[in-house]
């Protein structure tokens, strides 16, 4: 009987390890997602304190319970047109880890939060080679959910290589 219980527990553990939960959000007419374990919180849009000489997608910083958090307009970063700020605009506060293991917290401005999905890792499709504003290295994969394609972003490269590195370059920080 104990062997049977162990076998069932192993199957549960394996199935749990084969899935990820992602928070999906809207940017323009597309749905994107990030690993829900990277999401610290979701906030309504608020004004930021601007930082001079930063790329146009850096909205500024906010004070989040004593921590200074840079706010990035992901819509601007991905080159979307007709960006508006309204009651559905939100900031997703995410945690990223750089190659040295240092935790970074950053806010991503998006058009709205959509849903939380459980995605089977085996069904995640590899993203085609892309250049431009959403490069392949920032895309973890593509998931089809209810016949809708959701672009799953790879948070660490997007934040560290795609955003923070360009901010440091703009500010001449090594």
Protein backbone atom coordinates (compact mmCIF):
# COMPACT_ATOMS: atom_id res chain seq x y z
CA UNK A 1 0.00 0.00 0.00
CA UNK A 2 2.85 2.42 0.84
CA UNK A 3 4.42 1.79 -2.57
CA UNK A 4 1.12 2.69 -4.19
CA UNK A 5 0.93 5.99 -2.26
CA UNK A 6 4.54 6.80 -3.13
CA UNK A 7 3.84 6.11 -6.80
CA UNK A 8 0.79 8.39 -6.77
CA UNK A 9 2.75 11.15 -5.02
CA UNK A 10 5.55 10.84 -7.61
CA UNK A 11 2.99 11.24 -10.42
CA UNK A 12 1.53 14.31 -8.73
CA UNK A 13 5.00 15.80 -8.26
CA UNK A 14 5.91 15.10 -11.89
CA UNK A 15 2.70 16.61 -13.23
CA UNK A 16 3.19 19.67 -11.01
CA UNK A 17 6.73 20.05 -12.33
CA UNK A 18 5.46 19.88 -15.92
CA UNK A 19 3.24 22.93 -15.55
CA UNK A 20 3.80 26.62 -15.00
CA UNK A 21 1.32 29.26 -13.99
CA UNK A 22 1.54 32.52 -15.89
CA UNK A 23 -0.11 35.88 -15.36
CA UNK A 24 -1.36 37.07 -18.72
CA UNK A 25 -1.73 40.70 -19.70
CA UNK A 26 -2.66 42.75 -22.71
CA UNK A 27 -0.30 44.92 -24.76
CA UNK A 28 -2.03 46.46 -27.75
CA UNK A 29 -3.92 43.64 -29.44
CA UNK A 30 -1.70 40.82 -28.15
CA UNK A 31 -1.75 38.75 -24.98
CA UNK A 32 1.52 38.17 -23.14
CA UNK A 33 2.37 36.25 -20.01
CA UNK A 34 5.00 36.10 -17.28
CA UNK A 35 5.77 33.40 -14.73
CA UNK A 36 3.44 34.11 -11.83
CA UNK A 37 6.23 33.32 -9.36
CA UNK A 38 8.03 36.45 -10.67
CA UNK A 39 5.04 38.71 -9.96
CA UNK A 40 5.25 40.56 -6.66
CA UNK A 41 2.06 42.60 -7.03
CA UNK A 42 -0.23 44.43 -9.43
CA UNK A 43 -0.86 48.16 -8.96
CA UNK A 44 -3.01 50.74 -10.64
CA UNK A 45 -1.23 53.33 -12.76
CA UNK A 46 0.25 56.25 -10.84
CA UNK A 47 2.53 59.11 -11.77
CA UNK A 48 6.25 58.49 -11.50
CA UNK A 49 9.27 60.63 -10.70
CA UNK A 50 11.12 61.01 -14.01
CA UNK A 51 14.79 60.09 -14.40
CA UNK A 52 16.69 62.35 -16.84
CA UNK A 53 18.62 60.89 -19.81
CA UNK A 54 16.90 57.49 -19.79
CA UNK A 55 15.31 55.73 -22.76
CA UNK A 56 11.79 56.86 -23.68
CA UNK A 57 10.21 53.71 -22.25
CA UNK A 58 11.52 54.45 -18.74
CA UNK A 59 8.62 56.27 -17.11
CA UNK A 60 10.59 57.03 -13.94
CA UNK A 61 10.56 55.58 -10.44
CA UNK A 62 8.05 55.10 -7.64
CA UNK A 63 8.47 54.54 -3.93
CA UNK A 64 7.03 51.12 -3.10
CA UNK A 65 7.04 50.74 0.69
CA UNK A 66 10.50 52.29 0.96
CA UNK A 67 12.01 50.68 -2.15
CA UNK A 68 12.73 52.75 -5.25
CA UNK A 69 11.27 50.84 -8.20
CA UNK A 70 11.92 51.76 -11.85
CA UNK A 71 8.75 51.79 -13.96
CA UNK A 72 9.04 50.65 -17.57
CA UNK A 73 6.27 51.14 -20.12
CA UNK A 74 6.40 47.75 -21.83
CA UNK A 75 4.11 49.09 -24.56
CA UNK A 76 6.65 51.79 -25.40
CA UNK A 77 9.53 49.31 -25.07
CA UNK A 78 7.88 47.00 -27.62
CA UNK A 79 7.16 49.90 -29.99
CA UNK A 80 3.35 49.87 -29.79
CA UNK A 81 1.41 52.82 -31.19
CA UNK A 82 -1.41 54.90 -29.64
CA UNK A 83 -0.48 54.36 -26.01
CA UNK A 84 -3.07 55.70 -23.59
CA UNK A 85 -3.29 55.70 -19.81
CA UNK A 86 -6.75 54.89 -18.49
CA UNK A 87 -8.54 52.96 -15.75
CA UNK A 88 -7.38 49.59 -17.15
CA UNK A 89 -3.69 50.56 -17.30
CA UNK A 90 -1.79 48.70 -14.59
CA UNK A 91 1.74 48.21 -13.35
CA UNK A 92 2.90 44.65 -12.77
CA UNK A 93 5.71 44.63 -10.21
CA UNK A 94 8.07 41.75 -11.09
CA UNK A 95 11.21 40.31 -9.55
CA UNK A 96 14.17 39.46 -11.73
CA UNK A 97 17.50 37.88 -10.93
CA UNK A 98 20.73 38.85 -12.68
CA UNK A 99 23.65 36.54 -13.45
CA UNK A 100 25.22 37.32 -10.05
CA UNK A 101 22.03 36.23 -8.27
CA UNK A 102 21.03 39.78 -7.30
CA UNK A 103 17.28 40.37 -7.11
CA UNK A 104 15.90 43.35 -9.05
CA UNK A 105 12.37 44.71 -8.73
CA UNK A 106 10.86 46.57 -11.65
CA UNK A 107 7.39 47.73 -12.66
CA UNK A 108 5.98 46.95 -16.11
CA UNK A 109 3.20 49.20 -17.42
CA UNK A 110 0.67 47.20 -19.46
CA UNK A 111 -2.78 47.85 -20.93
CA UNK A 112 -4.49 45.48 -18.53
CA UNK A 113 -4.25 42.17 -16.71
CA UNK A 114 -6.08 39.30 -18.34
CA UNK A 115 -5.98 35.99 -16.44
CA UNK A 116 -3.84 33.34 -14.73
CA UNK A 117 -3.25 30.25 -16.86
CA UNK A 118 -1.70 26.89 -16.09
CA UNK A 119 0.51 25.92 -19.01
CA UNK A 120 1.90 22.46 -19.67
CA UNK A 121 5.63 22.95 -20.31
CA UNK A 122 5.57 20.15 -22.89
CA UNK A 123 2.97 22.02 -24.94
CA UNK A 124 4.90 25.32 -24.94
CA UNK A 125 5.98 26.08 -28.50
CA UNK A 126 9.40 27.46 -29.27
CA UNK A 127 9.29 31.05 -30.46
CA UNK A 128 10.47 31.66 -34.03
CA UNK A 129 13.60 33.74 -34.52
CA UNK A 130 12.59 37.38 -34.17
CA UNK A 131 14.37 40.68 -34.35
CA UNK A 132 13.10 44.12 -33.49
CA UNK A 133 11.54 45.20 -30.23
CA UNK A 134 10.50 41.75 -28.94
CA UNK A 135 13.56 39.63 -29.62
CA UNK A 136 13.57 35.84 -29.40
CA UNK A 137 15.78 35.84 -26.32
CA UNK A 138 13.01 37.62 -24.39
CA UNK A 139 10.36 35.08 -25.40
CA UNK A 140 10.22 31.88 -23.33
CA UNK A 141 7.68 30.32 -25.68
CA UNK A 142 4.23 30.47 -27.20
CA UNK A 143 1.17 28.90 -25.62
CA UNK A 144 -2.21 28.32 -27.21
CA UNK A 145 -4.99 28.86 -24.68
CA UNK A 146 -8.64 28.71 -25.78
CA UNK A 147 -7.48 29.08 -29.42
CA UNK A 148 -5.66 32.32 -28.45
CA UNK A 149 -1.88 32.64 -28.79
CA UNK A 150 -0.18 33.90 -25.61
CA UNK A 151 3.46 35.07 -25.82
CA UNK A 152 5.25 33.94 -22.65
CA UNK A 153 8.08 36.34 -21.80
CA UNK A 154 11.37 35.29 -20.24
CA UNK A 155 11.60 37.85 -17.41
CA UNK A 156 15.32 37.67 -16.52
CA UNK A 157 16.77 38.42 -19.99
CA UNK A 158 14.03 40.97 -20.72
CA UNK A 159 14.74 42.92 -17.52
CA UNK A 160 18.51 42.50 -17.23
CA UNK A 161 19.65 42.51 -20.86
CA UNK A 162 16.79 44.25 -22.59
CA UNK A 163 15.91 47.01 -20.12
CA UNK A 164 18.42 47.55 -17.30
CA UNK A 165 21.45 47.24 -19.61
CA UNK A 166 20.06 49.94 -21.94
CA UNK A 167 19.29 52.21 -18.97
CA UNK A 168 22.86 51.81 -17.66
CA UNK A 169 24.20 52.54 -21.14
CA UNK A 170 22.05 55.68 -21.44
CA UNK A 171 23.22 56.88 -18.02
CA UNK A 172 26.87 55.86 -18.70
CA UNK A 173 26.92 53.49 -15.71
CA UNK A 174 29.19 50.44 -15.75
